[in-house]
Amino acid sequence: MRTVDARGLSCPEPVILTKKALEAGESMYQILVDNPTAKENVTRFATHQGYKVSYKEESEDYILTLKK
């Protein structure tokens, strides 16, 4: 599973990093973000790319899991 750490970045950077990671064609990814807007935007993008997205909150961070 590939992990993308996009904490501390404002949109659209987390989406751009996620897009670059998805180009590897793996079936599972973990994306780390630290604000609700990035969580929503990455979730929307990944869903449109055919991934099922789940997330959990850990203190100030969101850990998104993308599965194909």
PDB file of N, CA and C in Angstrom:
ATOM      1  N   MET A   1       0.852  -1.177   0.000  1.00  0.00           N
ATOM      2  CA  MET A   1       0.000   0.000   0.000  1.00  0.00           C
ATOM      3  C   MET A   1       0.896   1.238   0.000  1.00  0.00           C
ATOM      4  N   ARG A   2       0.644   2.125  -0.920  1.00  0.00           N
ATOM      5  CA  ARG A   2       1.399   3.369  -1.020  1.00  0.00           C
ATOM      6  C   ARG A   2       0.769   4.418  -0.098  1.00  0.00           C
ATOM      7  N   THR A   3       1.601   5.175   0.598  1.00  0.00           N
ATOM      8  CA  THR A   3       1.128   6.225   1.494  1.00  0.00           C
ATOM      9  C   THR A   3       1.549   7.582   0.949  1.00  0.00           C
ATOM     10  N   VAL A   4       0.584   8.520   0.960  1.00  0.00           N
ATOM     11  CA  VAL A   4       0.845   9.895   0.533  1.00  0.00           C
ATOM     12  C   VAL A   4       0.602  10.791   1.738  1.00  0.00           C
ATOM     13  N   ASP A   5       1.630  11.520   2.155  1.00  0.00           N
ATOM     14  CA  ASP A   5       1.498  12.439   3.284  1.00  0.00           C
ATOM     15  C   ASP A   5       1.283  13.841   2.738  1.00  0.00           C
ATOM     16  N   ALA A   6       0.030  14.298   2.783  1.00  0.00           N
ATOM     17  CA  ALA A   6      -0.314  15.624   2.268  1.00  0.00           C
ATOM     18  C   ALA A   6      -0.692  16.569   3.413  1.00  0.00           C
ATOM     19  N   ARG A   7      -0.238  16.246   4.615  1.00  0.00           N
ATOM     20  CA  ARG A   7      -0.525  17.122   5.758  1.00  0.00           C
ATOM     21  C   ARG A   7       0.234  18.427   5.599  1.00  0.00           C
ATOM     22  N   GLY A   8      -0.411  19.511   5.999  1.00  0.00           N
ATOM     23  CA  GLY A   8       0.220  20.819   5.922  1.00  0.00           C
ATOM     24  C   GLY A   8       0.076  21.485   4.562  1.00  0.00           C
ATOM     25  N   LEU A   9      -0.552  20.797   3.623  1.00  0.00           N
ATOM     26  CA  LEU A   9      -0.728  21.357   2.284  1.00  0.00           C
ATOM     27  C   LEU A   9      -2.168  21.816   2.100  1.00  0.00           C
ATOM     28  N   SER A  10      -2.331  22.915   1.349  1.00  0.00           N
ATOM     29  CA  SER A  10      -3.685  23.380   1.072  1.00  0.00           C
ATOM     30  C   SER A  10      -4.080  22.940  -0.334  1.00  0.00           C
ATOM     31  N   CYS A  11      -5.365  22.850  -0.545  1.00  0.00           N
ATOM     32  CA  CYS A  11      -5.864  22.399  -1.844  1.00  0.00           C
ATOM     33  C   CYS A  11      -5.464  23.395  -2.920  1.00  0.00           C
ATOM     34  N   PRO A  12      -5.144  22.906  -4.080  1.00  0.00           N
ATOM     35  CA  PRO A  12      -5.386  21.557  -4.597  1.00  0.00           C
ATOM     36  C   PRO A  12      -4.215  20.590  -4.432  1.00  0.00           C
ATOM     37  N   GLU A  13      -3.183  20.952  -3.671  1.00  0.00           N
ATOM     38  CA  GLU A  13      -1.989  20.104  -3.571  1.00  0.00           C
ATOM     39  C   GLU A  13      -2.264  18.663  -3.119  1.00  0.00           C
ATOM     40  N   PRO A  14      -3.108  18.418  -2.090  1.00  0.00           N
ATOM     41  CA  PRO A  14      -3.366  17.030  -1.718  1.00  0.00           C
ATOM     42  C   PRO A  14      -3.993  16.212  -2.863  1.00  0.00           C
ATOM     43  N   VAL A  15      -4.868  16.844  -3.642  1.00  0.00           N
ATOM     44  CA  VAL A  15      -5.490  16.155  -4.778  1.00  0.00           C
ATOM     45  C   VAL A  15      -4.443  15.859  -5.853  1.00  0.00           C
ATOM     46  N   ILE A  16      -3.549  16.814  -6.102  1.00  0.00           N
ATOM     47  CA  ILE A  16      -2.504  16.614  -7.112  1.00  0.00           C
ATOM     48  C   ILE A  16      -1.574  15.473  -6.696  1.00  0.00           C
ATOM     49  N   LEU A  17      -1.171  15.436  -5.424  1.00  0.00           N
ATOM     50  CA  LEU A  17      -0.320  14.344  -4.941  1.00  0.00           C
ATOM     51  C   LEU A  17      -1.040  13.001  -5.035  1.00  0.00           C
ATOM     52  N   THR A  18      -2.327  13.001  -4.728  1.00  0.00           N
ATOM     53  CA  THR A  18      -3.111  11.768  -4.835  1.00  0.00           C
ATOM     54  C   THR A  18      -3.186  11.315  -6.291  1.00  0.00           C
ATOM     55  N   LYS A  19      -3.421  12.253  -7.189  1.00  0.00           N
ATOM     56  CA  LYS A  19      -3.500  11.911  -8.615  1.00  0.00           C
ATOM     57  C   LYS A  19      -2.188  11.283  -9.092  1.00  0.00           C
ATOM     58  N   LYS A  20      -1.068  11.872  -8.701  1.00  0.00           N
ATOM     59  CA  LYS A  20       0.237  11.322  -9.098  1.00  0.00           C
ATOM     60  C   LYS A  20       0.437   9.920  -8.540  1.00  0.00           C
ATOM     61  N   ALA A  21       0.019   9.699  -7.295  1.00  0.00           N
ATOM     62  CA  ALA A  21       0.163   8.374  -6.682  1.00  0.00           C
ATOM     63  C   ALA A  21      -0.705   7.341  -7.402  1.00  0.00           C
ATOM     64  N   LEU A  22      -1.921   7.731  -7.788  1.00  0.00           N
ATOM     65  CA  LEU A  22      -2.832   6.789  -8.440  1.00  0.00           C
ATOM     66  C   LEU A  22      -2.314   6.346  -9.808  1.00  0.00           C
ATOM     67  N   GLU A  23      -1.425   7.114 -10.390  1.00  0.00           N
ATOM     68  CA  GLU A  23      -0.852   6.738 -11.680  1.00  0.00           C
ATOM     69  C   GLU A  23      -0.044   5.442 -11.593  1.00  0.00           C
ATOM     70  N   ALA A  24       0.344   5.043 -10.382  1.00  0.00           N
ATOM     71  CA  ALA A  24       1.085   3.796 -10.193  1.00  0.00           C
ATOM     72  C   ALA A  24       0.185   2.581 -10.428  1.00  0.00           C
ATOM     73  N   GLY A  25      -1.139   2.792 -10.361  1.00  0.00           N
ATOM     74  CA  GLY A  25      -2.074   1.720 -10.656  1.00  0.00           C
ATOM     75  C   GLY A  25      -2.239   0.677  -9.572  1.00  0.00           C
ATOM     76  N   GLU A  26      -1.891   1.015  -8.341  1.00  0.00           N
ATOM     77  CA  GLU A  26      -2.059   0.070  -7.242  1.00  0.00           C
ATOM     78  C   GLU A  26      -3.528  -0.002  -6.827  1.00  0.00           C
ATOM     79  N   SER A  27      -3.880  -1.035  -6.073  1.00  0.00           N
ATOM     80  CA  SER A  27      -5.282  -1.216  -5.699  1.00  0.00           C
ATOM     81  C   SER A  27      -5.629  -0.592  -4.348  1.00  0.00           C
ATOM     82  N   MET A  28      -4.602  -0.144  -3.608  1.00  0.00           N
ATOM     83  CA  MET A  28      -4.870   0.413  -2.285  1.00  0.00           C
ATOM     84  C   MET A  28      -3.864   1.518  -1.950  1.00  0.00           C
ATOM     85  N   TYR A  29      -4.382   2.596  -1.382  1.00  0.00           N
ATOM     86  CA  TYR A  29      -3.556   3.750  -1.012  1.00  0.00           C
ATOM     87  C   TYR A  29      -4.000   4.269   0.348  1.00  0.00           C
ATOM     88  N   GLN A  30      -3.080   4.946   1.021  1.00  0.00           N
ATOM     89  CA  GLN A  30      -3.392   5.637   2.266  1.00  0.00           C
ATOM     90  C   GLN A  30      -2.968   7.087   2.068  1.00  0.00           C
ATOM     91  N   ILE A  31      -3.913   8.004   2.269  1.00  0.00           N
ATOM     92  CA  ILE A  31      -3.650   9.425   2.087  1.00  0.00           C
ATOM     93  C   ILE A  31      -3.818  10.115   3.439  1.00  0.00           C
ATOM     94  N   LEU A  32      -2.809  10.877   3.853  1.00  0.00           N
ATOM     95  CA  LEU A  32      -2.856  11.598   5.126  1.00  0.00           C
ATOM     96  C   LEU A  32      -3.091  13.080   4.850  1.00  0.00           C
ATOM     97  N   VAL A  33      -4.149  13.630   5.433  1.00  0.00           N
ATOM     98  CA  VAL A  33      -4.437  15.064   5.310  1.00  0.00           C
ATOM     99  C   VAL A  33      -4.777  15.599   6.699  1.00  0.00           C
ATOM    100  N   ASP A  34      -4.744  16.919   6.823  1.00  0.00           N
ATOM    101  CA  ASP A  34      -4.982  17.491   8.150  1.00  0.00           C
ATOM    102  C   ASP A  34      -6.076  18.553   8.183  1.00  0.00           C
ATOM    103  N   ASN A  35      -6.942  18.573   7.162  1.00  0.00           N
ATOM    104  CA  ASN A  35      -8.065  19.500   7.221  1.00  0.00           C
ATOM    105  C   ASN A  35      -9.261  18.912   6.486  1.00  0.00           C
ATOM    106  N   PRO A  36     -10.470  19.290   6.911  1.00  0.00           N
ATOM    107  CA  PRO A  36     -11.684  18.710   6.341  1.00  0.00           C
ATOM    108  C   PRO A  36     -11.857  18.989   4.837  1.00  0.00           C
ATOM    109  N   THR A  37     -11.415  20.148   4.383  1.00  0.00           N
ATOM    110  CA  THR A  37     -11.553  20.472   2.960  1.00  0.00           C
ATOM    111  C   THR A  37     -10.721  19.524   2.107  1.00  0.00           C
ATOM    112  N   ALA A  38      -9.494  19.267   2.505  1.00  0.00           N
ATOM    113  CA  ALA A  38      -8.642  18.332   1.770  1.00  0.00           C
ATOM    114  C   ALA A  38      -9.243  16.934   1.803  1.00  0.00           C
ATOM    115  N   LYS A  39      -9.794  16.541   2.944  1.00  0.00           N
ATOM    116  CA  LYS A  39     -10.434  15.223   3.061  1.00  0.00           C
ATOM    117  C   LYS A  39     -11.576  15.106   2.055  1.00  0.00           C
ATOM    118  N   GLU A  40     -12.410  16.109   1.980  1.00  0.00           N
ATOM    119  CA  GLU A  40     -13.553  16.084   1.060  1.00  0.00           C
ATOM    120  C   GLU A  40     -13.092  16.080  -0.395  1.00  0.00           C
ATOM    121  N   ASN A  41     -12.114  16.917  -0.730  1.00  0.00           N
ATOM    122  CA  ASN A  41     -11.656  17.008  -2.119  1.00  0.00           C
ATOM    123  C   ASN A  41     -10.954  15.732  -2.577  1.00  0.00           C
ATOM    124  N   VAL A  42     -10.107  15.154  -1.737  1.00  0.00           N
ATOM    125  CA  VAL A  42      -9.425  13.905  -2.093  1.00  0.00           C
ATOM    126  C   VAL A  42     -10.451  12.776  -2.207  1.00  0.00           C
ATOM    127  N   THR A  43     -11.419  12.750  -1.289  1.00  0.00           N
ATOM    128  CA  THR A  43     -12.465  11.727  -1.346  1.00  0.00           C
ATOM    129  C   THR A  43     -13.249  11.831  -2.646  1.00  0.00           C
ATOM    130  N   ARG A  44     -13.643  13.030  -3.019  1.00  0.00           N
ATOM    131  CA  ARG A  44     -14.404  13.244  -4.258  1.00  0.00           C
ATOM    132  C   ARG A  44     -13.593  12.798  -5.473  1.00  0.00           C
ATOM    133  N   PHE A  45     -12.324  13.195  -5.517  1.00  0.00           N
ATOM    134  CA  PHE A  45     -11.465  12.831  -6.641  1.00  0.00           C
ATOM    135  C   PHE A  45     -11.293  11.310  -6.740  1.00  0.00           C
ATOM    136  N   ALA A  46     -10.970  10.670  -5.622  1.00  0.00           N
ATOM    137  CA  ALA A  46     -10.725   9.230  -5.620  1.00  0.00           C
ATOM    138  C   ALA A  46     -11.983   8.453  -6.002  1.00  0.00           C
ATOM    139  N   THR A  47     -13.137   8.914  -5.541  1.00  0.00           N
ATOM    140  CA  THR A  47     -14.400   8.269  -5.885  1.00  0.00           C
ATOM    141  C   THR A  47     -14.630   8.326  -7.394  1.00  0.00           C
ATOM    142  N   HIS A  48     -14.342   9.474  -7.992  1.00  0.00           N
ATOM    143  CA  HIS A  48     -14.495   9.612  -9.442  1.00  0.00           C
ATOM    144  C   HIS A  48     -13.503   8.745 -10.211  1.00  0.00           C
ATOM    145  N   GLN A  49     -12.411   8.356  -9.558  1.00  0.00           N
ATOM    146  CA  GLN A  49     -11.415   7.487 -10.189  1.00  0.00           C
ATOM    147  C   GLN A  49     -11.733   6.008  -9.962  1.00  0.00           C
ATOM    148  N   GLY A  50     -12.863   5.725  -9.305  1.00  0.00           N
ATOM    149  CA  GLY A  50     -13.285   4.343  -9.111  1.00  0.00           C
ATOM    150  C   GLY A  50     -12.841   3.701  -7.812  1.00  0.00           C
ATOM    151  N   TYR A  51     -12.368   4.500  -6.866  1.00  0.00           N
ATOM    152  CA  TYR A  51     -11.924   3.969  -5.579  1.00  0.00           C
ATOM    153  C   TYR A  51     -13.015   4.119  -4.531  1.00  0.00           C
ATOM    154  N   LYS A  52     -13.066   3.143  -3.637  1.00  0.00           N
ATOM    155  CA  LYS A  52     -13.939   3.242  -2.473  1.00  0.00           C
ATOM    156  C   LYS A  52     -13.103   3.885  -1.371  1.00  0.00           C
ATOM    157  N   VAL A  53     -13.645   4.913  -0.733  1.00  0.00           N
ATOM    158  CA  VAL A  53     -12.874   5.680   0.245  1.00  0.00           C
ATOM    159  C   VAL A  53     -13.476   5.522   1.636  1.00  0.00           C
ATOM    160  N   SER A  54     -12.612   5.204   2.591  1.00  0.00           N
ATOM    161  CA  SER A  54     -13.005   5.225   3.998  1.00  0.00           C
ATOM    162  C   SER A  54     -11.962   6.071   4.725  1.00  0.00           C
ATOM    163  N   TYR A  55     -12.336   6.583   5.880  1.00  0.00           N
ATOM    164  CA  TYR A  55     -11.369   7.396   6.615  1.00  0.00           C
ATOM    165  C   TYR A  55     -11.568   7.240   8.109  1.00  0.00           C
ATOM    166  N   LYS A  56     -10.496   7.572   8.830  1.00  0.00           N
ATOM    167  CA  LYS A  56     -10.589   7.663  10.282  1.00  0.00           C
ATOM    168  C   LYS A  56      -9.854   8.920  10.711  1.00  0.00           C
ATOM    169  N   GLU A  57     -10.313   9.455  11.835  1.00  0.00           N
ATOM    170  CA  GLU A  57      -9.714  10.670  12.379  1.00  0.00           C
ATOM    171  C   GLU A  57      -8.770  10.288  13.500  1.00  0.00           C
ATOM    172  N   GLU A  58      -7.569  10.843  13.460  1.00  0.00           N
ATOM    173  CA  GLU A  58      -6.614  10.666  14.555  1.00  0.00           C
ATOM    174  C   GLU A  58      -6.122  12.040  14.958  1.00  0.00           C
ATOM    175  N   SER A  59      -6.544  12.488  16.096  1.00  0.00           N
ATOM    176  CA  SER A  59      -6.324  13.851  16.594  1.00  0.00           C
ATOM    177  C   SER A  59      -6.646  14.862  15.508  1.00  0.00           C
ATOM    178  N   GLU A  60      -5.685  15.569  14.975  1.00  0.00           N
ATOM    179  CA  GLU A  60      -5.952  16.615  13.970  1.00  0.00           C
ATOM    180  C   GLU A  60      -5.915  16.082  12.540  1.00  0.00           C
ATOM    181  N   ASP A  61      -5.553  14.823  12.363  1.00  0.00           N
ATOM    182  CA  ASP A  61      -5.341  14.276  11.023  1.00  0.00           C
ATOM    183  C   ASP A  61      -6.480  13.363  10.580  1.00  0.00           C
ATOM    184  N   TYR A  62      -6.606  13.232   9.263  1.00  0.00           N
ATOM    185  CA  TYR A  62      -7.523  12.276   8.655  1.00  0.00           C
ATOM    186  C   TYR A  62      -6.679  11.281   7.877  1.00  0.00           C
ATOM    187  N   ILE A  63      -6.961  10.007   8.066  1.00  0.00           N
ATOM    188  CA  ILE A  63      -6.277   8.954   7.325  1.00  0.00           C
ATOM    189  C   ILE A  63      -7.301   8.352   6.372  1.00  0.00           C
ATOM    190  N   LEU A  64      -7.130   8.614   5.097  1.00  0.00           N
ATOM    191  CA  LEU A  64      -8.042   8.110   4.086  1.00  0.00           C
ATOM    192  C   LEU A  64      -7.469   6.830   3.491  1.00  0.00           C
ATOM    193  N   THR A  65      -8.293   5.816   3.363  1.00  0.00           N
ATOM    194  CA  THR A  65      -7.899   4.572   2.735  1.00  0.00           C
ATOM    195  C   THR A  65      -8.682   4.441   1.442  1.00  0.00           C
ATOM    196  N   LEU A  66      -7.970   4.302   0.344  1.00  0.00           N
ATOM    197  CA  LEU A  66      -8.575   4.181  -0.982  1.00  0.00           C
ATOM    198  C   LEU A  66      -8.396   2.740  -1.454  1.00  0.00           C
ATOM    199  N   LYS A  67      -9.497   2.091  -1.816  1.00  0.00           N
ATOM    200  CA  LYS A  67      -9.441   0.702  -2.290  1.00  0.00           C
ATOM    201  C   LYS A  67     -10.164   0.603  -3.624  1.00  0.00           C
ATOM    202  N   LYS A  68      -9.590  -0.160  -4.528  1.00  0.00           N
ATOM    203  CA  LYS A  68     -10.226  -0.357  -5.833  1.00  0.00           C
ATOM    204  C   LYS A  68     -10.973  -1.657  -5.826  1.00  0.00           C
TER     205      LYS A  68
END
